[in-house]
Protein backbone atom coordinates (compact mmCIF):
# COMPACT_ATOMS: atom_id res chain seq x y z
CA MET A 1 0.40 -0.01 -0.19
CA THR A 2 1.39 3.58 -0.90
CA ALA A 3 1.85 6.20 1.57
CA ALA A 4 -1.00 8.25 -0.42
CA ARG A 5 -3.35 5.18 0.40
CA ARG A 6 -2.22 4.63 4.13
CA GLY A 7 -2.90 8.54 4.57
CA ARG A 8 -6.22 8.20 2.94
CA ALA A 9 -7.45 5.15 4.60
CA LEU A 10 -6.05 6.51 8.13
CA ALA A 11 -8.07 9.83 7.48
CA ALA A 12 -11.45 7.38 6.56
CA TRP A 13 -10.82 5.70 10.15
CA ALA A 14 -10.29 9.03 11.94
CA ALA A 15 -13.46 10.59 10.22
CA LEU A 16 -15.59 7.51 11.04
CA ALA A 17 -14.43 7.45 14.72
CA LEU A 18 -15.20 11.31 15.01
CA ALA A 19 -18.56 11.11 13.53
CA ALA A 20 -19.47 8.12 15.64
CA ALA A 21 -18.26 9.67 18.88
CA TRP A 22 -20.28 12.94 18.01
CA GLY A 23 -23.37 10.89 17.02
CA ALA A 24 -23.34 8.58 20.17
CA SER A 25 -23.15 11.64 22.26
CA GLY A 26 -26.43 12.99 21.18
CA GLN A 27 -27.61 16.18 23.14
CA ASP A 28 -24.85 15.79 25.48
CA ALA A 29 -22.20 16.94 23.58
CA PRO A 30 -22.71 19.64 21.10
CA LEU A 31 -20.86 19.84 17.86
CA THR A 32 -18.37 22.33 17.97
CA LEU A 33 -16.47 24.43 15.22
CA ALA A 34 -13.48 22.76 15.62
CA GLN A 35 -15.09 19.53 15.23
CA ALA A 36 -17.08 20.73 12.09
CA LEU A 37 -13.81 21.65 10.69
CA GLU A 38 -12.53 18.28 11.26
CA LEU A 39 -15.26 16.53 10.17
CA ALA A 40 -14.96 18.69 6.62
CA ALA A 41 -11.39 18.25 6.34
CA ARG A 42 -12.18 14.20 6.40
CA HIS A 43 -15.54 14.05 4.62
CA ASN A 44 -15.68 16.95 2.00
CA GLU A 45 -14.18 16.01 -1.18
CA THR A 46 -11.96 19.53 -1.46
CA PRO A 47 -9.05 18.50 0.42
CA HIS A 48 -8.83 15.14 -1.36
CA ILE A 49 -8.92 17.16 -4.49
CA ALA A 50 -6.13 19.65 -3.24
CA ALA A 51 -4.20 16.29 -2.43
CA ALA A 52 -4.65 14.89 -6.05
CA ARG A 53 -3.56 18.34 -7.42
CA LEU A 54 -0.40 18.04 -5.35
CA GLU A 55 -0.09 14.58 -6.19
CA ARG A 56 -0.05 15.72 -9.97
CA ALA A 57 2.15 18.39 -9.52
CA GLU A 58 4.92 16.17 -7.94
CA ALA A 59 4.26 13.48 -10.68
CA VAL A 60 5.09 16.14 -13.08
CA ARG A 61 8.54 17.35 -11.47
CA ARG A 62 9.62 13.69 -11.52
CA GLU A 63 9.06 13.63 -15.29
CA ALA A 64 11.04 16.73 -15.62
CA ILE A 65 13.57 14.99 -13.50
CA ALA A 66 13.34 11.59 -15.50
CA THR A 67 15.05 13.21 -18.67
CA LEU A 68 18.31 13.70 -16.84
CA LEU A 69 18.45 9.77 -15.67
CA PRO A 70 19.70 7.20 -17.78
CA ALA A 71 17.27 5.15 -19.62
CA LEU A 72 17.21 1.16 -20.36
CA THR A 73 15.57 -0.59 -23.47
CA LEU A 74 15.41 -4.26 -24.06
CA THR A 75 14.22 -5.68 -26.85
CA SER A 76 13.94 -9.13 -28.29
CA SER A 77 12.79 -10.77 -31.47
CA TYR A 78 12.15 -14.27 -32.83
CA THR A 79 12.10 -14.95 -36.76
CA ARG A 80 11.02 -18.41 -38.27
CA ARG A 81 12.31 -18.90 -41.84
CA ALA A 82 11.66 -21.60 -44.42
CA ARG A 83 15.07 -22.55 -44.47
CA GLU A 84 18.59 -22.06 -42.73
CA VAL A 85 21.51 -20.02 -44.75
CA THR A 86 25.01 -20.88 -43.92
CA ARG A 87 28.37 -20.11 -45.73
CA ILE A 88 31.75 -22.19 -45.14
CA VAL A 89 34.86 -20.04 -45.15
CA ASP A 90 38.27 -21.60 -45.06
CA GLY A 91 36.41 -24.98 -44.26
CA GLU A 92 34.46 -23.82 -41.46
CA GLU A 93 30.79 -23.35 -41.64
CA PHE A 94 29.27 -19.93 -40.61
CA VAL A 95 25.19 -19.50 -39.84
CA ILE A 96 24.13 -16.62 -42.05
CA GLN A 97 20.46 -16.98 -41.61
CA ALA A 98 19.13 -19.33 -38.87
CA ARG A 99 15.87 -20.71 -39.29
CA GLY A 100 14.94 -20.04 -36.11
CA ALA A 101 16.31 -16.65 -35.73
CA GLU A 102 16.83 -14.83 -32.10
CA SER A 103 18.20 -11.38 -31.35
CA HIS A 104 18.45 -9.74 -28.35
CA GLN A 105 19.45 -6.23 -27.49
CA ALA A 106 20.03 -4.01 -24.59
CA VAL A 107 20.38 -0.06 -24.99
CA ALA A 108 21.45 1.97 -22.24
CA ASP A 109 21.07 5.94 -22.93
CA ALA A 110 22.36 8.70 -20.50
CA THR A 111 22.09 12.24 -20.79
CA VAL A 112 25.64 13.76 -19.53
CA PHE A 113 24.78 17.25 -20.29
CA ASP A 114 21.46 18.88 -21.74
CA ALA A 115 21.06 22.59 -20.90
CA ARG A 116 17.46 22.71 -21.42
CA ALA A 117 16.81 20.01 -18.63
CA PHE A 118 17.61 22.77 -16.00
CA PRO A 119 15.07 25.21 -16.63
CA LEU A 120 12.44 22.65 -17.11
CA VAL A 121 13.32 20.73 -13.77
CA ARG A 122 13.43 24.35 -11.90
CA ALA A 123 10.19 25.17 -13.46
CA ALA A 124 8.72 21.94 -12.29
CA SER A 125 9.95 22.50 -8.76
CA ARG A 126 8.28 26.24 -8.84
CA ASP A 127 5.11 24.77 -9.85
CA LEU A 128 5.14 22.07 -7.46
CA GLU A 129 5.66 24.47 -4.58
CA ALA A 130 2.75 26.59 -6.20
CA GLN A 131 0.56 23.70 -6.13
CA ARG A 132 1.27 22.95 -2.50
CA LEU A 133 0.22 26.52 -1.67
CA GLU A 134 -2.80 26.51 -3.98
CA SER A 135 -3.73 22.97 -2.11
CA ALA A 136 -3.70 24.86 1.11
CA GLU A 137 -5.57 27.81 -0.10
CA LEU A 138 -8.15 25.40 -1.33
CA VAL A 139 -8.49 23.79 2.06
CA ARG A 140 -8.82 27.19 3.97
CA ASP A 141 -11.40 28.66 1.70
CA LEU A 142 -13.38 25.54 2.94
CA SER A 143 -12.75 26.01 6.70
CA PHE A 144 -14.35 29.45 6.20
CA ASP A 145 -17.46 28.03 4.21
CA VAL A 146 -17.60 25.76 7.22
CA ALA A 147 -17.42 28.49 9.87
CA GLU A 148 -20.24 30.76 8.04
CA ALA A 149 -22.24 27.79 7.46
CA PHE A 150 -21.75 26.96 11.62
CA PHE A 151 -22.52 30.65 12.53
CA ALA A 152 -25.57 30.88 10.02
CA VAL A 153 -27.22 27.63 11.78
CA LEU A 154 -26.60 29.41 15.32
CA SER A 155 -28.14 32.66 14.04
CA ALA A 156 -31.04 30.79 12.43
CA GLU A 157 -31.80 28.93 15.54
CA ARG A 158 -31.64 31.98 17.95
CA LEU A 159 -34.24 33.39 15.64
CA ARG A 160 -36.25 30.77 15.91
CA ALA A 161 -36.19 30.91 19.55
CA ALA A 162 -37.27 34.52 19.50
CA ALA A 163 -40.02 33.78 17.12
CA GLY A 164 -40.90 30.95 19.47
CA ARG A 165 -41.24 33.75 22.30
CA ARG A 166 -43.22 35.93 20.24
CA ILE A 167 -45.51 33.31 19.72
CA GLN A 168 -45.96 32.83 23.84
CA VAL A 169 -46.63 36.38 23.99
CA ALA A 170 -49.09 36.31 21.13
CA GLU A 171 -50.93 33.57 23.02
CA ALA A 172 -51.33 35.22 26.26
CA THR A 173 -52.54 38.37 24.56
CA VAL A 174 -55.06 36.52 22.79
CA SER A 175 -56.15 34.68 25.87
CA ASP A 176 -56.28 37.61 27.92
CA ALA A 177 -58.07 39.63 25.18
CA SER A 178 -60.97 37.22 24.96
CA ILE A 179 -61.47 36.94 28.67
CA ARG A 180 -61.68 41.08 28.83
CA ARG A 181 -64.07 40.67 26.16
CA ASP A 182 -66.42 38.39 27.62
CA ALA A 183 -66.24 40.70 30.84
CA GLY A 184 -66.82 43.58 28.76
CA LEU A 185 -63.64 45.05 29.27
CA ALA A 186 -62.47 44.98 25.62
CA ASN A 187 -63.89 45.25 22.37
CA LEU A 188 -63.64 42.79 19.61
CA ASN A 189 -61.05 44.45 17.70
CA ASP A 190 -58.84 43.82 20.32
CA VAL A 191 -59.51 40.20 20.07
CA THR A 192 -59.05 40.51 16.25
CA ARG A 193 -55.69 42.20 16.55
CA SER A 194 -54.40 39.94 18.99
CA GLU A 195 -55.22 36.86 16.65
CA LEU A 196 -53.86 38.58 13.82
CA GLU A 197 -50.66 39.08 15.84
CA LEU A 198 -50.71 35.42 16.91
CA ALA A 199 -50.98 33.97 13.04
CA ALA A 200 -48.14 36.53 12.09
CA ALA A 201 -45.91 35.45 15.04
CA ARG A 202 -46.55 31.65 13.71
CA LEU A 203 -45.54 32.39 10.15
CA ALA A 204 -42.73 34.23 11.42
CA LEU A 205 -41.74 30.88 13.40
CA THR A 206 -42.21 28.68 10.44
CA GLN A 207 -40.07 31.02 8.37
CA ALA A 208 -37.28 30.96 11.06
CA GLU A 209 -37.82 27.37 11.14
CA ASN A 210 -36.96 26.79 7.55
CA LEU A 211 -34.38 29.14 7.66
CA ALA A 212 -32.63 26.93 10.56
CA ALA A 213 -33.25 23.92 8.53
CA ASN A 214 -31.83 25.08 5.33
CA ALA A 215 -28.71 26.31 7.33
CA ARG A 216 -28.22 22.90 8.78
CA LEU A 217 -28.48 21.17 5.18
CA SER A 218 -25.96 23.49 4.09
CA LEU A 219 -23.65 22.92 7.07
CA GLY A 220 -24.32 19.08 6.81
CA PHE A 221 -23.08 19.29 2.90
CA LEU A 222 -19.98 20.99 3.74
CA ILE A 223 -18.62 18.66 6.67
CA GLY A 224 -20.22 15.17 5.16
CA VAL A 225 -22.45 14.31 7.73
CA PRO A 226 -26.15 15.54 8.69
CA ALA A 227 -25.72 18.22 11.31
CA MET A 228 -28.45 17.33 13.33
CA GLY A 229 -27.44 17.52 16.80
CA PRO A 230 -26.87 20.68 18.83
CA LEU A 231 -24.09 23.19 18.12
CA ALA A 232 -21.78 24.73 20.88
CA GLU A 233 -21.90 28.24 20.86
CA PRO A 234 -18.29 29.72 20.34
CA GLY A 235 -16.37 32.44 22.38
CA ALA A 236 -16.81 35.83 22.44
CA GLU A 237 -16.28 38.42 19.49
CA ALA A 238 -12.68 39.05 18.85
CA GLU A 239 -10.98 41.91 20.54
CA THR A 240 -10.04 44.96 18.44
CA PRO A 241 -7.69 43.96 15.56
CA PRO A 242 -4.42 46.07 15.08
CA ALA A 243 -3.87 48.74 12.92
CA ALA A 244 -4.76 48.47 8.99
CA GLY A 245 -1.10 48.94 8.21
CA GLU A 246 -0.20 46.16 10.37
CA LEU A 247 -2.76 43.68 8.97
CA GLU A 248 -1.70 44.54 5.55
CA GLN A 249 1.74 43.52 6.28
CA ARG A 250 0.55 40.09 8.16
CA ALA A 251 -1.49 39.70 4.69
CA LEU A 252 1.28 40.28 2.26
CA ALA A 253 3.61 37.77 4.43
CA GLY A 254 1.01 34.97 4.81
CA ARG A 255 -1.39 34.89 2.28
CA ALA A 256 -0.71 31.58 0.40
CA ASP A 257 -2.67 32.76 -2.60
CA LEU A 258 -0.28 35.53 -3.29
CA GLN A 259 2.84 33.15 -2.78
CA ALA A 260 1.59 30.57 -5.20
CA ARG A 261 1.26 33.42 -7.71
CA GLU A 262 5.00 34.37 -6.99
CA GLU A 263 5.78 30.68 -7.64
CA ARG A 264 3.99 30.27 -10.65
CA ALA A 265 5.63 33.67 -12.02
CA ALA A 266 9.10 32.24 -11.33
CA ALA A 267 8.16 28.77 -12.98
CA LEU A 268 7.20 30.94 -16.24
CA LEU A 269 10.58 32.79 -15.82
CA ALA A 270 12.61 29.54 -15.83
CA LEU A 271 10.37 28.06 -19.06
CA SER A 272 11.13 31.05 -20.78
CA ARG A 273 14.82 30.53 -20.62
CA GLU A 274 14.30 26.89 -22.09
CA PRO A 275 14.21 27.58 -25.85
CA LEU A 276 17.40 29.32 -26.09
CA MET A 277 19.15 26.47 -24.25
CA ARG A 278 18.35 24.34 -27.25
CA SER A 279 21.16 26.28 -28.95
CA VAL A 280 23.72 24.57 -26.83
CA PRO A 281 24.88 21.27 -27.80
CA ALA A 282 23.45 18.11 -25.62
CA LEU A 283 25.82 15.41 -24.76
CA GLY A 284 25.05 11.90 -24.20
CA VAL A 285 26.37 8.46 -23.82
CA ARG A 286 24.94 4.92 -25.71
CA GLY A 287 25.83 1.77 -24.81
CA THR A 288 24.51 -1.32 -26.80
CA PHE A 289 24.67 -5.05 -26.02
CA ARG A 290 23.58 -7.69 -28.64
CA GLN A 291 23.23 -11.49 -28.35
CA THR A 292 22.15 -13.47 -31.63
CA ASN A 293 22.21 -16.95 -32.83
CA GLU A 294 23.08 -15.54 -36.27
CA THR A 295 26.88 -15.15 -36.11
CA GLY A 296 27.47 -14.32 -39.69
CA LEU A 297 30.96 -14.11 -40.72
CA SER A 298 32.32 -12.78 -37.52
CA GLY A 299 31.42 -15.97 -35.76
CA ARG A 300 30.52 -13.95 -32.34
CA GLU A 301 27.01 -14.40 -30.87
CA GLN A 302 27.44 -11.31 -28.53
CA ASP A 303 28.52 -7.83 -29.38
CA TRP A 304 28.80 -4.59 -27.58
CA ASN A 305 29.69 -0.97 -28.20
CA VAL A 306 29.60 2.42 -26.42
CA ALA A 307 29.12 5.52 -28.31
CA ALA A 308 29.21 9.22 -27.33
CA THR A 309 26.43 11.30 -28.86
CA LEU A 310 26.56 15.03 -29.69
CA THR A 311 23.56 16.75 -30.70
CA TRP A 312 23.60 20.30 -31.85
CA GLU A 313 20.25 22.07 -33.24
CA LEU A 314 21.81 24.54 -35.09
CA PHE A 315 18.51 26.27 -36.85
CA ASP A 316 14.74 25.53 -36.29
CA GLY A 317 13.41 28.11 -38.43
CA GLY A 318 13.26 30.74 -35.61
CA GLU A 319 10.99 28.43 -33.41
CA ARG A 320 12.88 28.73 -30.25
CA TYR A 321 13.02 32.33 -30.58
CA ALA A 322 9.19 32.56 -30.84
CA GLN A 323 8.88 30.08 -28.21
CA ALA A 324 11.04 32.29 -25.68
CA ASP A 325 9.08 35.72 -26.57
CA GLN A 326 6.06 33.91 -25.92
CA ARG A 327 7.09 32.67 -22.67
CA ARG A 328 8.53 35.80 -21.43
CA ALA A 329 5.07 37.69 -22.28
CA GLU A 330 3.46 34.67 -20.26
CA HIS A 331 6.05 35.62 -17.29
CA ARG A 332 5.41 39.14 -17.54
CA GLU A 333 1.68 38.95 -17.40
CA ALA A 334 2.04 36.77 -14.07
CA VAL A 335 4.17 39.43 -12.69
CA LEU A 336 1.57 41.82 -13.42
CA GLN A 337 -1.38 39.63 -11.83
CA THR A 338 0.95 38.83 -8.97
CA GLU A 339 1.18 42.70 -8.31
CA ALA A 340 -2.48 43.14 -9.18
CA LEU A 341 -3.52 40.51 -6.13
CA ARG A 342 -1.09 42.31 -3.87
CA ARG A 343 -2.53 45.59 -4.15
CA LEU A 344 -6.03 43.93 -3.97
CA ILE A 345 -5.07 42.21 -0.77
CA GLY A 346 -4.42 45.30 0.74
CA LEU A 347 -7.86 46.70 -0.43
CA GLU A 348 -9.54 43.52 1.24
CA VAL A 349 -7.76 44.04 4.43
CA ARG A 350 -8.91 47.56 4.76
CA THR A 351 -12.33 47.17 3.41
CA ALA A 352 -12.88 43.99 5.88
CA LEU A 353 -11.58 46.31 8.89
CA ALA A 354 -13.81 48.90 7.88
CA ASP A 355 -16.71 46.21 7.29
CA LEU A 356 -15.83 44.96 10.91
CA GLU A 357 -15.65 48.61 12.55
CA THR A 358 -19.33 49.06 11.07
CA ALA A 359 -20.49 45.83 12.26
CA GLN A 360 -19.14 46.40 15.67
CA GLY A 361 -21.33 49.40 15.95
CA ALA A 362 -24.26 48.11 14.28
CA LEU A 363 -24.18 45.49 16.81
CA GLY A 364 -23.93 47.89 19.78
CA GLN A 365 -27.06 49.93 18.36
CA ALA A 366 -29.03 47.06 18.13
CA GLU A 367 -28.48 45.87 21.45
CA VAL A 368 -29.44 49.19 22.82
CA GLN A 369 -32.86 49.13 20.53
CA ALA A 370 -33.43 45.61 21.83
CA ARG A 371 -33.20 46.72 25.63
CA VAL A 372 -35.40 49.51 24.96
CA ALA A 373 -37.75 47.32 23.14
CA ALA A 374 -37.52 44.78 25.79
CA GLN A 375 -38.33 47.35 28.48
CA ASN A 376 -40.97 48.68 26.64
CA ALA A 377 -42.69 45.43 25.98
CA GLU A 378 -42.55 44.84 29.64
CA GLU A 379 -43.92 48.27 30.59
CA VAL A 380 -46.92 47.71 28.16
CA ALA A 381 -47.49 43.95 29.57
CA ASP A 382 -47.80 45.38 33.24
CA ARG A 383 -50.14 48.19 32.03
CA PHE A 384 -52.12 45.31 29.93
CA SER A 385 -52.49 43.11 32.95
CA ASN A 386 -53.70 46.15 35.22
CA GLY A 387 -56.15 47.42 32.62
CA LEU A 388 -54.22 50.32 31.56
CA ALA A 389 -53.15 49.30 27.98
CA THR A 390 -55.22 47.84 25.25
CA ALA A 391 -54.15 44.49 23.42
CA LEU A 392 -53.26 46.36 20.28
CA GLU A 393 -50.51 48.16 22.17
CA ARG A 394 -49.35 44.92 23.83
CA ALA A 395 -49.17 43.38 20.64
CA ASP A 396 -47.28 46.39 18.75
CA ALA A 397 -44.76 46.24 21.76
CA ALA A 398 -44.48 42.51 21.55
CA VAL A 399 -43.79 43.09 17.47
CA ALA A 400 -41.19 45.73 18.36
CA ALA A 401 -39.41 43.44 20.66
CA PHE A 402 -39.32 40.57 18.54
CA GLU A 403 -38.00 42.95 15.72
CA ALA A 404 -35.20 44.50 17.74
CA ASP A 405 -34.29 40.79 18.76
CA VAL A 406 -33.99 39.72 15.12
CA GLU A 407 -32.26 42.79 14.39
CA VAL A 408 -29.49 41.73 16.94
CA GLU A 409 -29.04 38.50 16.02
CA ARG A 410 -28.70 39.62 12.34
CA GLN A 411 -25.84 42.29 13.39
CA ARG A 412 -24.24 39.48 15.60
CA PHE A 413 -24.16 37.26 12.21
CA ALA A 414 -22.85 40.02 10.35
CA LEU A 415 -20.10 40.89 12.93
CA ARG A 416 -19.02 36.95 12.90
CA LEU A 417 -18.84 37.04 9.04
CA ALA A 418 -16.97 40.49 9.16
CA GLU A 419 -14.52 38.57 11.65
CA LEU A 420 -14.17 35.70 9.36
CA ALA A 421 -13.50 38.06 6.20
CA LEU A 422 -10.87 40.20 8.00
CA GLU A 423 -9.11 36.91 9.14
CA ARG A 424 -9.46 35.44 5.47
CA ALA A 425 -8.04 38.58 4.28
CA VAL A 426 -4.86 38.58 6.57
CA GLY A 427 -4.31 34.64 5.65
CA GLY A 428 -5.91 33.41 8.87
CA ALA A 429 -7.76 30.35 9.40
CA PRO A 430 -11.16 29.98 11.55
CA GLU A 431 -10.78 28.38 15.00
CA SER A 432 -8.33 25.85 14.48
CA PRO A 433 -5.20 26.72 12.10
CA ALA A 434 -3.88 23.08 12.77
CA LEU A 435 -6.46 21.53 10.46
CA LEU A 436 -4.78 23.51 7.76
CA ALA A 437 -1.67 21.39 7.97
CA PRO A 438 -0.93 18.93 5.01
CA ASP A 439 -0.56 16.17 7.13
CA ALA A 440 -3.81 16.67 8.86
CA LEU A 441 -5.56 17.48 5.36
CA ASP A 442 -4.17 14.38 3.44
CA VAL A 443 -2.03 16.63 1.29
CA GLY A 444 1.27 15.77 2.82
CA ALA A 445 -0.04 11.84 2.65
CA ALA A 446 -0.52 12.48 -1.26
CA ALA A 447 2.71 13.87 -1.71
CA GLY A 448 4.52 11.31 0.02
CA GLY A 449 2.91 8.69 -1.76
CA ALA A 450 3.92 10.55 -5.31
CA ARG A 451 7.68 10.43 -3.97
């Protein structure tokens, strides 16, 4: 079994153990964000796609190195003829053509010097490093998708809980309004308005339940197992981030996609030098060993020779120069794309930082409004119980409190997304950066199998 297969087998066993442990725990052990990331790393196809791409890049590099290594070719043939042809020379009989002719030949070719092979190997090595970075970036993107889906489920369930509380208030209001109407203390309009609010609350609950169900389906798709159990609330929101300049420097130093672009540009630079290397003579050595039962006039069944070969392509119609110009243009394009990404990273960091500050302010304002709305709903409820407020006023206060709670949850979710966006922009990872290690994601195992 290759190292790649062993790595995938261990990953599968680890995933099954994690899924079984989580499933067996039921309600007693809520699924944490770290566990969700681990499940996604084991079950989602993205890490294995990243590993396959890395394995392919390693194979391409080995193919480039193979041009510098000796090659051995064995050929055998058997020919059946109608008759045997012999000749007698100085009284000795020689077989010119045997009736059953056998021929065996071994040819060994070795490249002593080929200037064009060096830039090809260098380009393949750069592409391998670029693919390693791109594979890690692919898995990092998956981790942020999982984190966003995880927070979406938590937010949807908090909205569902708020909708449930709204129904409780609406049902109590309908009951009290009906009692007051029967006692002649309220009119039919109060009861009707209370029933309308109850219907609206039930609709809001249905919508919240559908939102939570869809969010769980999305999370389950990403982690590869049904997300049916409870989720663990993560820690508090992150503290105030550093200044924009410091974050930008951190992003430029840590973003794998930027480093991958740089490696791709370096690979194209090496490739651009290969066509001109064709004008340098290539030196090789060839050794041949031959065995046959048709000795001919030499009388020898075995023979061998060694030859040095010199290949010098003097003129190819200008093809090498055209290819060199083409590859240099590709290299310039890659350099410009790298510079564009570098500037874009700065923009992403500053935009994410501004969005985070906006989300923090919006959440603070929403929490103040929610406290005011809750206090108002409580006061109106007290007045309603004392007959100093109508059912209409109580229903309106309950709706205002519910909408304020909804806004708080929306802004809290927006703040989580803003934090994730900033962490993504600076090249970090949500909750568990260790999951991005190549070994944990089977990327390293695939590379080991390729080697």
